[in-house]
């Protein structure tokens, strides 16, 4: 079988997932077991992977699944704790003081607060935190998930205190070889790395400035009574103001401070500017937009997580400040767990892992229950129960409600993530073939030649769609992107930056991210509906980044230290 046919065969699991979920509107709980079996068969028969390696990859995927379910459970438990403590009532009242306009609420809660949570923790936590919070504020569950998934774009490259760049890019390219080459020109690795970080921040900033507006337009168009584009566009001045308030400090932090803090700094500065502006009605349209009456919502909009005023009537009153304190604590503890070394080490000390699973080199998995956002969310739940003076019975009810919701997500993810790990681990095989993701990327680059830079972000998105992770996409494909740039005589740093940007955007349609977000609001089974909506901003992001790539390479003529050393 020739390389082209093999690459096309590698695409089959992705195409099949798309056809079943989006085309046939099949529920993920039915589609993903089918895709898993097909992926395993391709690995065994076409890639000549050993049965041991396929099984080890599956076990590795199950370990990752437990980690993700732990995060989802924590997010749901915090929301249900606030429901039973009266905190949700306080948060709702607080937002009515800022603006009753749902468009403004989406920008502040989902975009700005969500970007901060992404910067602090990553792991898909923003959608898992923001979606149930939006439902609690009165958003339809499907709208909350769609909006929550759109957070998974601009802030993602610098999520989890820069993990996709610090771990993904650094671990995904030949740092030793690059450092050695740079040394001949008296240039350091850090200079090269900082250039990559700066270019990632700038491209994201240029593209991401429109994301709050796109988020609102899509929400209004698909979930408004009038299905109107115009009602979404009417908030353009405020949405652009919010976009600029986030991306300017975000880009400056990326250029001058490095990869750890752009998303958090952009979000904190953005919130400090946008919330007071919204309270004063600055740049807000004269009309106030809301969803139609909840009695008229289609069934597909409604999840099993419904937090109605009746549910929380009679609870002891909690001030708006105390209602928000748990989310403030979450942000503080998440940041501390990533940047305060003694605290981080203490949390990481509890770890359960399996190295070289079934004797397969390079296939390992570990769970750090306290360090993962799920453990931190649980800490916040305990603190919330104390601060809000909850009764033990109320906390027990929150735990019971959350446990029921998590069961549905588990079934889907135990097939989705092992499928991903088979793809990623397929590079070790008896047929001496590159891994399936690299084969797919190679086909794309060979097909497009000199215009490949336009498609570089899409390749990164493909990796994220497969893995549900910017970090993993960068680990898989950064070296490939680096080598393509080298072959084309283009800036390797900028090509790797486009990889990182595209991989961030791919999170908006990554299947297991959608499943995780859907699980938090009881919306499992409608993942295809969500992806059909989030694919629109994903296409925008990839096209815009691709155009910037072409301009950067062929109009501006961007270079990098490595090109200069080699050219010399």
Protein backbone atom coordinates (compact mmCIF):
# COMPACT_ATOMS: atom_id res chain seq x y z
CA UNK A 1 0.00 0.00 0.00
CA UNK A 2 1.51 3.37 -0.98
CA UNK A 3 1.96 6.32 1.37
CA UNK A 4 -1.01 8.29 0.00
CA UNK A 5 -3.43 5.42 0.54
CA UNK A 6 -2.08 4.86 4.02
CA UNK A 7 -2.51 8.54 4.87
CA UNK A 8 -6.08 8.47 3.57
CA UNK A 9 -6.69 5.37 5.67
CA UNK A 10 -5.37 7.25 8.71
CA UNK A 11 -8.06 9.86 8.10
CA UNK A 12 -10.84 7.25 8.30
CA UNK A 13 -11.44 7.48 12.09
CA UNK A 14 -11.80 11.27 11.91
CA UNK A 15 -14.04 11.18 8.86
CA UNK A 16 -16.13 8.41 10.38
CA UNK A 17 -16.54 10.38 13.63
CA UNK A 18 -17.61 13.42 11.62
CA UNK A 19 -20.10 11.49 9.51
CA UNK A 20 -21.68 9.72 12.49
CA UNK A 21 -21.79 12.70 14.86
CA UNK A 22 -22.46 15.58 12.49
CA UNK A 23 -23.93 13.98 9.36
CA UNK A 24 -26.09 11.27 10.90
CA UNK A 25 -26.56 13.11 14.23
CA UNK A 26 -25.71 9.93 16.08
CA UNK A 27 -25.16 10.25 19.83
CA UNK A 28 -21.51 10.08 20.88
CA UNK A 29 -22.29 7.12 23.16
CA UNK A 30 -23.16 5.13 20.01
CA UNK A 31 -20.70 6.66 17.54
CA UNK A 32 -17.49 6.59 19.56
CA UNK A 33 -17.44 2.84 20.33
CA UNK A 34 -17.73 2.26 16.55
CA UNK A 35 -14.90 4.71 15.84
CA UNK A 36 -12.75 3.09 18.53
CA UNK A 37 -13.12 -0.38 17.02
CA UNK A 38 -12.35 0.90 13.51
CA UNK A 39 -9.26 2.76 14.80
CA UNK A 40 -7.98 -0.35 16.58
CA UNK A 41 -8.45 -2.46 13.44
CA UNK A 42 -6.56 0.07 11.28
CA UNK A 43 -3.75 0.10 13.85
CA UNK A 44 -3.55 -3.69 13.95
CA UNK A 45 -4.01 -4.50 10.27
CA UNK A 46 -2.66 -1.52 8.29
CA UNK A 47 -0.04 -0.13 10.70
CA UNK A 48 0.95 -3.58 12.00
CA UNK A 49 0.82 -2.41 15.62
CA UNK A 50 1.11 -5.25 18.10
CA UNK A 51 -1.99 -6.22 20.04
CA UNK A 52 -0.02 -5.40 23.20
CA UNK A 53 0.57 -1.82 22.01
CA UNK A 54 -3.08 -1.29 21.09
CA UNK A 55 -4.16 -2.64 24.48
CA UNK A 56 -1.55 -0.54 26.30
CA UNK A 57 -2.74 2.56 24.43
CA UNK A 58 -6.30 1.74 25.45
CA UNK A 59 -5.30 1.42 29.11
CA UNK A 60 -3.39 4.70 28.87
CA UNK A 61 -6.54 6.30 27.48
CA UNK A 62 -8.59 4.96 30.36
CA UNK A 63 -6.17 6.51 32.87
CA UNK A 64 -6.59 9.86 31.09
CA UNK A 65 -10.35 9.34 31.10
CA UNK A 66 -10.37 9.03 34.87
CA UNK A 67 -8.45 12.32 35.11
CA UNK A 68 -10.95 14.13 32.88
CA UNK A 69 -13.96 12.67 34.70
CA UNK A 70 -12.43 13.87 37.96
CA UNK A 71 -12.32 17.42 36.58
CA UNK A 72 -15.91 17.21 35.29
CA UNK A 73 -17.13 15.86 38.63
CA UNK A 74 -15.42 18.69 40.49
CA UNK A 75 -16.98 21.34 38.24
CA UNK A 76 -20.47 19.85 38.60
CA UNK A 77 -20.08 19.42 42.35
CA UNK A 78 -19.09 23.06 42.83
CA UNK A 79 -22.10 24.21 40.83
CA UNK A 80 -24.47 21.93 42.75
CA UNK A 81 -22.93 23.05 46.05
CA UNK A 82 -23.66 26.67 45.13
CA UNK A 83 -27.16 25.66 44.09
CA UNK A 84 -27.86 24.17 47.52
CA UNK A 85 -26.05 26.91 49.48
CA UNK A 86 -27.92 29.81 47.86
CA UNK A 87 -24.80 31.05 46.09
CA UNK A 88 -26.38 30.77 42.65
CA UNK A 89 -29.16 33.15 43.65
CA UNK A 90 -26.56 35.67 44.75
CA UNK A 91 -24.59 35.37 41.50
CA UNK A 92 -27.73 35.85 39.45
CA UNK A 93 -28.63 38.98 41.40
CA UNK A 94 -25.10 40.27 40.96
CA UNK A 95 -25.30 40.00 37.20
CA UNK A 96 -28.59 41.80 37.09
CA UNK A 97 -26.66 44.71 38.59
CA UNK A 98 -24.12 44.67 35.76
CA UNK A 99 -26.50 44.13 32.87
CA UNK A 100 -29.60 42.04 32.25
CA UNK A 101 -28.47 41.68 28.61
CA UNK A 102 -27.51 38.05 27.93
CA UNK A 103 -24.96 39.15 25.35
CA UNK A 104 -23.09 41.14 27.98
CA UNK A 105 -23.33 38.24 30.44
CA UNK A 106 -21.86 35.86 27.84
CA UNK A 107 -18.91 38.19 27.21
CA UNK A 108 -18.14 38.72 30.90
CA UNK A 109 -18.84 35.24 32.32
CA UNK A 110 -17.86 33.01 29.42
CA UNK A 111 -15.18 34.99 27.61
CA UNK A 112 -13.35 37.00 30.29
CA UNK A 113 -13.88 34.79 33.35
CA UNK A 114 -13.50 31.66 31.19
CA UNK A 115 -10.22 32.91 29.74
CA UNK A 116 -8.86 33.39 33.26
CA UNK A 117 -9.81 29.84 34.25
CA UNK A 118 -8.19 28.54 31.05
CA UNK A 119 -5.00 30.45 31.79
CA UNK A 120 -4.90 29.06 35.31
CA UNK A 121 -5.76 25.42 34.73
CA UNK A 122 -6.36 24.31 31.13
CA UNK A 123 -7.64 20.71 30.89
CA UNK A 124 -10.89 21.94 29.31
CA UNK A 125 -11.85 23.36 32.72
CA UNK A 126 -13.28 26.69 31.38
CA UNK A 127 -16.15 25.05 29.52
CA UNK A 128 -16.76 22.71 32.45
CA UNK A 129 -16.93 25.70 34.82
CA UNK A 130 -18.59 28.29 32.57
CA UNK A 131 -21.30 26.10 31.01
CA UNK A 132 -23.06 25.13 34.26
CA UNK A 133 -22.65 28.67 35.57
CA UNK A 134 -24.36 30.03 32.46
CA UNK A 135 -27.17 27.48 32.89
CA UNK A 136 -27.54 28.67 36.47
CA UNK A 137 -27.88 32.22 35.15
CA UNK A 138 -30.75 31.15 32.90
CA UNK A 139 -29.05 30.19 29.62
CA UNK A 140 -30.34 27.15 27.70
CA UNK A 141 -27.98 24.21 28.27
CA UNK A 142 -27.08 23.89 24.57
CA UNK A 143 -26.32 27.61 24.30
CA UNK A 144 -24.15 27.37 27.41
CA UNK A 145 -22.11 24.50 25.93
CA UNK A 146 -21.70 26.22 22.54
CA UNK A 147 -20.57 29.45 24.21
CA UNK A 148 -18.38 27.50 26.63
CA UNK A 149 -16.64 25.66 23.80
CA UNK A 150 -15.79 28.95 22.07
CA UNK A 151 -13.65 29.89 25.08
CA UNK A 152 -11.38 27.05 23.89
CA UNK A 153 -9.56 29.23 21.36
CA UNK A 154 -7.45 32.34 22.05
CA UNK A 155 -6.47 31.61 25.67
CA UNK A 156 -5.70 27.92 25.12
CA UNK A 157 -2.10 28.20 23.89
CA UNK A 158 -1.23 29.80 27.22
CA UNK A 159 -3.59 27.65 29.27
CA UNK A 160 -2.52 25.78 32.39
CA UNK A 161 0.19 28.41 32.99
CA UNK A 162 1.64 27.97 29.49
CA UNK A 163 1.71 24.15 29.38
CA UNK A 164 0.91 23.84 25.62
CA UNK A 165 3.98 25.95 24.83
CA UNK A 166 6.31 25.08 27.71
CA UNK A 167 5.64 21.33 27.47
CA UNK A 168 4.08 20.89 24.03
CA UNK A 169 6.41 22.95 21.84
CA UNK A 170 9.60 22.37 23.84
CA UNK A 171 8.94 18.63 23.99
CA UNK A 172 7.69 18.44 20.42
CA UNK A 173 10.78 19.68 18.58
CA UNK A 174 14.46 18.72 18.66
CA UNK A 175 15.54 21.25 21.26
CA UNK A 176 19.03 19.76 21.55
CA UNK A 177 19.70 19.92 17.82
CA UNK A 178 18.31 23.44 17.50
CA UNK A 179 20.34 24.66 20.50
CA UNK A 180 23.53 23.21 19.01
CA UNK A 181 22.90 24.89 15.65
CA UNK A 182 22.01 28.23 17.24
CA UNK A 183 25.19 28.15 19.31
CA UNK A 184 27.28 28.39 16.15
CA UNK A 185 25.80 31.83 15.61
CA UNK A 186 26.10 32.87 19.26
CA UNK A 187 22.31 32.66 19.72
CA UNK A 188 20.59 30.89 22.63
CA UNK A 189 17.64 28.53 22.67
CA UNK A 190 15.76 30.96 24.92
CA UNK A 191 15.94 33.70 22.26
CA UNK A 192 14.44 31.32 19.71
CA UNK A 193 11.78 30.08 22.15
CA UNK A 194 10.76 33.61 23.16
CA UNK A 195 10.29 34.43 19.46
CA UNK A 196 7.89 31.48 19.10
CA UNK A 197 5.97 32.63 22.20
CA UNK A 198 5.75 36.22 20.93
CA UNK A 199 4.48 35.13 17.51
CA UNK A 200 1.87 32.84 19.07
CA UNK A 201 0.62 35.74 21.23
CA UNK A 202 0.50 38.20 18.34
CA UNK A 203 -1.33 35.88 15.92
CA UNK A 204 -3.83 34.88 18.62
CA UNK A 205 -4.34 38.54 19.54
CA UNK A 206 -5.04 39.58 15.94
CA UNK A 207 -7.50 36.74 15.38
CA UNK A 208 -8.97 36.53 18.87
CA UNK A 209 -10.05 40.16 19.11
CA UNK A 210 -13.23 39.19 17.23
CA UNK A 211 -14.06 36.10 19.33
CA UNK A 212 -16.37 37.87 21.85
CA UNK A 213 -18.36 39.27 18.93
CA UNK A 214 -18.52 35.89 17.16
CA UNK A 215 -19.58 34.24 20.42
CA UNK A 216 -22.50 36.64 20.78
CA UNK A 217 -23.51 36.51 17.11
CA UNK A 218 -23.68 32.71 17.11
CA UNK A 219 -25.57 32.65 20.42
CA UNK A 220 -28.14 35.19 19.23
CA UNK A 221 -28.52 33.65 15.77
CA UNK A 222 -29.14 30.09 16.97
CA UNK A 223 -30.84 30.70 20.32
CA UNK A 224 -32.79 33.93 19.86
CA UNK A 225 -36.53 34.19 19.31
CA UNK A 226 -35.94 35.94 15.97
CA UNK A 227 -32.87 33.89 14.83
CA UNK A 228 -31.38 37.26 13.92
CA UNK A 229 -27.80 38.08 12.87
CA UNK A 230 -28.63 41.77 13.32
CA UNK A 231 -29.43 41.44 17.03
CA UNK A 232 -25.99 39.95 17.54
CA UNK A 233 -24.23 42.60 15.45
CA UNK A 234 -25.90 45.43 17.38
CA UNK A 235 -23.51 44.84 20.28
CA UNK A 236 -20.43 45.10 18.02
CA UNK A 237 -18.88 48.21 19.70
CA UNK A 238 -19.02 46.67 23.18
CA UNK A 239 -17.86 43.24 21.98
CA UNK A 240 -14.87 44.76 20.16
CA UNK A 241 -14.11 46.84 23.25
CA UNK A 242 -14.11 43.64 25.34
CA UNK A 243 -11.95 41.89 22.74
CA UNK A 244 -9.36 44.68 22.70
CA UNK A 245 -9.39 44.91 26.53
CA UNK A 246 -8.35 41.24 26.62
CA UNK A 247 -5.96 40.87 23.68
CA UNK A 248 -3.79 43.97 24.21
CA UNK A 249 -2.55 42.97 27.70
CA UNK A 250 -2.52 39.34 26.49
CA UNK A 251 -0.14 40.14 23.61
CA UNK A 252 2.06 42.38 25.76
CA UNK A 253 2.37 39.62 28.37
CA UNK A 254 3.26 37.10 25.66
CA UNK A 255 5.95 39.31 24.18
CA UNK A 256 7.51 40.62 27.39
CA UNK A 257 6.74 38.07 30.14
CA UNK A 258 6.72 34.69 28.40
CA UNK A 259 4.17 31.87 28.05
CA UNK A 260 2.94 31.42 31.61
CA UNK A 261 0.61 34.36 32.15
CA UNK A 262 -0.84 35.95 28.94
CA UNK A 263 -4.31 34.42 29.32
CA UNK A 264 -4.60 35.21 33.02
CA UNK A 265 -3.27 38.76 32.71
CA UNK A 266 -5.44 39.45 29.64
CA UNK A 267 -8.54 38.20 31.48
CA UNK A 268 -7.81 40.07 34.74
CA UNK A 269 -7.16 43.36 32.96
CA UNK A 270 -10.17 42.74 30.71
CA UNK A 271 -12.49 42.13 33.67
CA UNK A 272 -11.17 45.22 35.47
CA UNK A 273 -11.97 47.35 32.42
CA UNK A 274 -15.11 45.74 30.98
CA UNK A 275 -17.21 45.11 34.13
CA UNK A 276 -17.22 48.78 35.30
CA UNK A 277 -17.84 49.86 31.69
CA UNK A 278 -20.83 47.52 31.40
CA UNK A 279 -22.28 48.83 34.68
CA UNK A 280 -22.17 52.35 33.21
CA UNK A 281 -23.70 51.23 29.91
CA UNK A 282 -20.54 52.17 27.99
CA UNK A 283 -20.92 51.26 24.27
CA UNK A 284 -23.97 49.10 25.04
CA UNK A 285 -26.84 49.13 22.51
CA UNK A 286 -30.18 50.61 23.45
CA UNK A 287 -31.93 47.25 23.15
CA UNK A 288 -31.58 44.54 25.83
CA UNK A 289 -31.46 41.02 24.43
CA UNK A 290 -32.74 37.89 26.16
CA UNK A 291 -33.56 34.30 25.24
CA UNK A 292 -37.19 33.49 24.47
CA UNK A 293 -39.38 32.30 27.33
CA UNK A 294 -38.04 29.00 28.66
CA UNK A 295 -41.40 27.32 28.11
CA UNK A 296 -40.90 27.70 24.37
CA UNK A 297 -37.38 26.21 24.25
CA UNK A 298 -36.97 23.17 21.98
CA UNK A 299 -36.12 19.93 23.78
CA UNK A 300 -32.61 19.86 22.29
CA UNK A 301 -31.78 23.12 24.09
CA UNK A 302 -32.54 21.69 27.53
CA UNK A 303 -30.18 19.54 29.60
CA UNK A 304 -30.81 17.50 32.70
CA UNK A 305 -29.14 20.17 34.84
CA UNK A 306 -31.81 22.75 35.54
CA UNK A 307 -31.33 25.26 38.32
CA UNK A 308 -34.58 27.12 38.76
CA UNK A 309 -35.42 29.80 41.27
CA UNK A 310 -37.90 27.35 42.84
CA UNK A 311 -35.04 24.94 43.56
CA UNK A 312 -33.20 27.43 45.71
CA UNK A 313 -36.05 29.39 47.23
CA UNK A 314 -35.94 29.48 50.98
CA UNK A 315 -32.17 29.07 51.22
CA UNK A 316 -30.34 31.29 53.68
CA UNK A 317 -29.48 34.52 51.87
CA UNK A 318 -25.89 34.87 50.66
CA UNK A 319 -24.43 38.19 49.57
CA UNK A 320 -23.32 38.69 45.98
CA UNK A 321 -19.72 38.87 47.19
CA UNK A 322 -20.03 35.58 49.08
CA UNK A 323 -21.71 34.00 46.07
CA UNK A 324 -18.64 34.80 43.95
CA UNK A 325 -16.08 33.92 46.64
CA UNK A 326 -15.92 30.21 45.61
CA UNK A 327 -14.97 31.12 42.04
CA UNK A 328 -12.45 33.63 43.35
CA UNK A 329 -10.97 30.94 45.58
CA UNK A 330 -10.89 28.56 42.61
CA UNK A 331 -8.90 31.06 40.56
CA UNK A 332 -6.48 31.82 43.42
CA UNK A 333 -5.84 28.19 44.33
CA UNK A 334 -5.46 27.17 40.68
CA UNK A 335 -2.83 29.87 40.14
CA UNK A 336 -1.04 29.03 43.39
CA UNK A 337 -1.00 25.34 42.50
CA UNK A 338 0.85 26.15 39.26
CA UNK A 339 3.28 28.87 40.36
CA UNK A 340 4.01 28.35 44.09
CA UNK A 341 6.59 25.56 44.05
CA UNK A 342 6.11 24.13 47.59
CA UNK A 343 2.32 24.05 47.14
CA UNK A 344 2.60 22.50 43.68
CA UNK A 345 5.03 19.85 44.91
CA UNK A 346 2.77 19.00 47.85
CA UNK A 347 -0.21 18.51 45.54
CA UNK A 348 1.83 16.48 43.07
CA UNK A 349 3.19 14.21 45.81
CA UNK A 350 0.03 12.11 45.66
CA UNK A 351 0.26 10.32 42.33
CA UNK A 352 -0.88 7.00 40.93
CA UNK A 353 0.85 5.93 37.74
CA UNK A 354 1.85 3.09 35.44
CA UNK A 355 5.06 3.48 33.45
CA UNK A 356 5.66 1.52 30.24
CA UNK A 357 2.22 -0.07 30.37
CA UNK A 358 2.36 -3.79 29.46
CA UNK A 359 6.06 -3.30 28.75
CA UNK A 360 5.38 -0.86 25.89
CA UNK A 361 8.07 1.84 25.89
CA UNK A 362 6.78 5.40 25.99
CA UNK A 363 3.22 4.47 26.96
CA UNK A 364 2.63 5.65 30.50
CA UNK A 365 -0.16 7.19 32.48
CA UNK A 366 -0.55 8.85 35.85
CA UNK A 367 -3.25 10.48 37.93
CA UNK A 368 -2.50 13.28 40.40
CA UNK A 369 -5.88 13.69 42.11
CA UNK A 370 -4.94 16.73 44.21
CA UNK A 371 -3.02 18.59 41.49
CA UNK A 372 -5.65 18.09 38.80
CA UNK A 373 -8.34 20.82 38.71
CA UNK A 374 -10.80 18.23 40.01
CA UNK A 375 -8.94 18.05 43.32
CA UNK A 376 -8.75 21.82 43.57
CA UNK A 377 -12.46 22.11 42.79
CA UNK A 378 -13.11 19.66 45.64
CA UNK A 379 -11.05 21.84 48.00
CA UNK A 380 -13.16 24.83 46.97
CA UNK A 381 -16.36 22.84 47.58
CA UNK A 382 -15.25 22.10 51.14
CA UNK A 383 -14.36 25.75 51.74
CA UNK A 384 -17.68 26.84 50.22
CA UNK A 385 -19.62 24.53 52.52
CA UNK A 386 -17.87 26.11 55.50
CA UNK A 387 -18.16 29.72 54.31
CA UNK A 388 -21.83 29.36 53.32
CA UNK A 389 -22.60 27.41 56.51
CA UNK A 390 -24.18 24.53 54.67
CA UNK A 391 -25.86 21.64 56.41
CA UNK A 392 -24.41 18.19 55.88
CA UNK A 393 -27.62 17.08 54.16
CA UNK A 394 -27.33 19.88 51.59
CA UNK A 395 -23.74 18.90 50.78
CA UNK A 396 -24.81 15.26 50.48
CA UNK A 397 -27.58 16.24 48.02
CA UNK A 398 -25.04 18.17 45.91
CA UNK A 399 -22.77 15.10 45.87
CA UNK A 400 -25.63 12.79 44.86
CA UNK A 401 -26.79 15.08 42.04
CA UNK A 402 -23.24 15.35 40.69
CA UNK A 403 -22.61 11.59 40.81
CA UNK A 404 -25.66 10.92 38.66
CA UNK A 405 -24.54 13.39 35.99
CA UNK A 406 -21.01 11.96 35.71
CA UNK A 407 -22.10 8.43 34.79
CA UNK A 408 -23.21 9.35 31.26
CA UNK A 409 -19.97 11.11 30.40
CA UNK A 410 -17.86 8.17 31.52
CA UNK A 411 -19.28 5.76 28.96
CA UNK A 412 -18.47 8.04 26.00
CA UNK A 413 -14.99 8.98 27.17
CA UNK A 414 -13.85 5.39 27.80
CA UNK A 415 -13.99 4.94 24.02
CA UNK A 416 -13.00 8.40 22.81
CA UNK A 417 -9.69 8.89 24.62
CA UNK A 418 -8.34 5.34 24.09
CA UNK A 419 -9.05 5.86 20.37
CA UNK A 420 -6.91 9.00 20.50
CA UNK A 421 -4.05 7.20 22.22
CA UNK A 422 -4.02 4.43 19.58
CA UNK A 423 -3.62 7.09 16.88
CA UNK A 424 -0.86 8.90 18.75
CA UNK A 425 1.04 5.73 19.71
CA UNK A 426 0.85 4.18 16.22
CA UNK A 427 4.37 5.42 15.36
CA UNK A 428 5.84 2.23 16.85
CA UNK A 429 4.78 -0.55 14.49
CA UNK A 430 5.97 -3.53 12.48
CA UNK A 431 5.43 -1.76 9.14
CA UNK A 432 8.05 0.94 9.88
CA UNK A 433 5.49 3.71 9.31
CA UNK A 434 5.18 7.15 10.89
CA UNK A 435 2.25 7.58 13.27
CA UNK A 436 -1.20 8.09 11.78
CA UNK A 437 -1.40 11.81 12.73
CA UNK A 438 1.99 12.51 11.13
CA UNK A 439 0.97 10.57 8.00
CA UNK A 440 -2.14 12.75 7.74
CA UNK A 441 -0.12 15.94 8.15
CA UNK A 442 2.47 14.77 5.61
CA UNK A 443 -0.25 14.21 3.00
CA UNK A 444 -1.54 17.75 3.57
CA UNK A 445 1.91 19.34 3.23
CA UNK A 446 2.80 17.33 0.12
CA UNK A 447 -0.48 18.30 -1.50
CA UNK A 448 -0.17 22.05 -0.96
CA UNK A 449 3.56 22.88 -1.27
CA UNK A 450 4.31 26.61 -1.22
CA UNK A 451 0.83 27.57 -0.01
CA UNK A 452 1.15 25.13 2.89
CA UNK A 453 1.54 27.94 5.47
CA UNK A 454 -2.14 28.76 4.92
CA UNK A 455 -2.98 25.20 6.06
CA UNK A 456 -0.44 24.96 8.90
CA UNK A 457 -2.99 26.10 11.53
CA UNK A 458 -5.48 23.53 10.19
CA UNK A 459 -2.89 20.78 10.69
CA UNK A 460 -2.49 21.92 14.31
CA UNK A 461 -6.28 21.90 14.67
CA UNK A 462 -6.39 18.39 13.26
CA UNK A 463 -4.02 17.26 16.00
CA UNK A 464 -6.18 18.91 18.65
CA UNK A 465 -9.36 17.46 17.15
CA UNK A 466 -7.79 14.02 17.47
CA UNK A 467 -6.31 14.47 20.92
CA UNK A 468 -8.58 17.12 22.46
CA UNK A 469 -5.44 18.88 23.60
CA UNK A 470 -3.31 21.77 22.35
CA UNK A 471 -0.36 20.33 24.28
CA UNK A 472 -0.64 16.89 22.69
CA UNK A 473 -1.11 18.37 19.22
CA UNK A 474 2.08 20.39 19.71
CA UNK A 475 3.94 17.33 20.96
CA UNK A 476 2.78 15.31 17.94
CA UNK A 477 3.19 17.85 15.18
CA UNK A 478 5.61 20.65 16.13
CA UNK A 479 8.59 18.75 14.75
CA UNK A 480 6.70 18.01 11.55
CA UNK A 481 5.79 21.70 11.11
CA UNK A 482 9.40 22.68 11.88
CA UNK A 483 10.72 20.35 9.17
CA UNK A 484 8.19 21.50 6.56
CA UNK A 485 9.26 25.11 7.16
CA UNK A 486 12.90 24.06 6.85
CA UNK A 487 12.20 22.32 3.53
CA UNK A 488 10.37 25.38 2.22
CA UNK A 489 13.09 27.77 3.43
CA UNK A 490 10.68 29.59 5.74
CA UNK A 491 10.86 30.71 9.36
CA UNK A 492 10.66 27.59 11.51
CA UNK A 493 9.68 29.63 14.57
CA UNK A 494 6.69 31.20 12.83
CA UNK A 495 5.54 27.84 11.42
CA UNK A 496 5.66 26.30 14.90
CA UNK A 497 3.72 29.33 16.18
CA UNK A 498 1.01 28.72 13.55
CA UNK A 499 0.89 25.09 14.72
CA UNK A 500 0.27 26.22 18.30
CA UNK A 501 -2.43 28.71 17.24
CA UNK A 502 -4.27 26.17 15.11
CA UNK A 503 -4.06 23.55 17.84
CA UNK A 504 -5.73 26.00 20.23
CA UNK A 505 -8.59 26.62 17.79
CA UNK A 506 -9.07 22.88 17.25
CA UNK A 507 -10.18 22.55 20.85
CA UNK A 508 -13.52 24.17 19.90
CA UNK A 509 -14.50 21.02 17.98
CA UNK A 510 -12.50 18.36 19.84
CA UNK A 511 -14.98 15.57 20.53
CA UNK A 512 -14.07 14.69 24.08
CA UNK A 513 -13.94 18.38 25.07
CA UNK A 514 -17.52 18.71 23.78
CA UNK A 515 -18.50 15.56 25.68
CA UNK A 516 -16.91 16.91 28.87
CA UNK A 517 -18.68 20.27 28.61
CA UNK A 518 -21.99 18.62 27.69
CA UNK A 519 -21.75 16.32 30.72
CA UNK A 520 -21.59 19.27 33.12
CA UNK A 521 -25.06 20.43 32.05
CA UNK A 522 -26.65 17.03 31.44
CA UNK A 523 -26.64 17.38 27.65
CA UNK A 524 -24.99 14.13 26.56
CA UNK A 525 -26.13 12.76 23.21
CA UNK A 526 -26.20 16.09 21.36
CA UNK A 527 -22.48 16.52 20.72
CA UNK A 528 -22.95 16.69 16.94
CA UNK A 529 -25.38 19.61 17.35
CA UNK A 530 -22.76 21.50 19.34
CA UNK A 531 -19.96 20.78 16.84
CA UNK A 532 -22.11 21.96 13.91
CA UNK A 533 -22.24 25.38 15.61
CA UNK A 534 -18.68 25.60 16.98
CA UNK A 535 -17.19 24.62 13.62
CA UNK A 536 -18.13 28.10 12.33
CA UNK A 537 -15.78 30.03 14.67
CA UNK A 538 -13.18 27.28 14.19
CA UNK A 539 -13.19 27.85 10.42
CA UNK A 540 -12.90 31.61 10.98
CA UNK A 541 -9.94 31.11 13.31
CA UNK A 542 -8.06 28.78 10.96
CA UNK A 543 -8.67 30.88 7.84
CA UNK A 544 -7.65 34.11 9.58
CA UNK A 545 -4.52 32.51 11.08
CA UNK A 546 -3.68 30.97 7.70
CA UNK A 547 -3.94 34.34 5.95
CA UNK A 548 -1.73 35.92 8.62
CA UNK A 549 0.72 33.06 8.02
CA UNK A 550 0.91 33.76 4.28
CA UNK A 551 1.36 37.50 4.92
CA UNK A 552 4.02 36.84 7.54
CA UNK A 553 6.05 34.52 5.32
CA UNK A 554 5.62 36.01 1.85
CA UNK A 555 4.81 39.72 2.41
CA UNK A 556 6.65 40.67 5.61
CA UNK A 557 9.32 38.00 5.08
CA UNK A 558 9.60 36.93 8.71
CA UNK A 559 12.84 35.28 9.68
CA UNK A 560 14.23 33.71 12.85
CA UNK A 561 17.64 33.17 14.48
CA UNK A 562 17.91 29.65 13.08
CA UNK A 563 17.39 30.83 9.50
CA UNK A 564 19.99 33.54 10.02
CA UNK A 565 22.54 31.08 11.41
CA UNK A 566 21.96 28.59 8.60
CA UNK A 567 21.97 31.37 6.01
CA UNK A 568 25.26 32.60 7.37
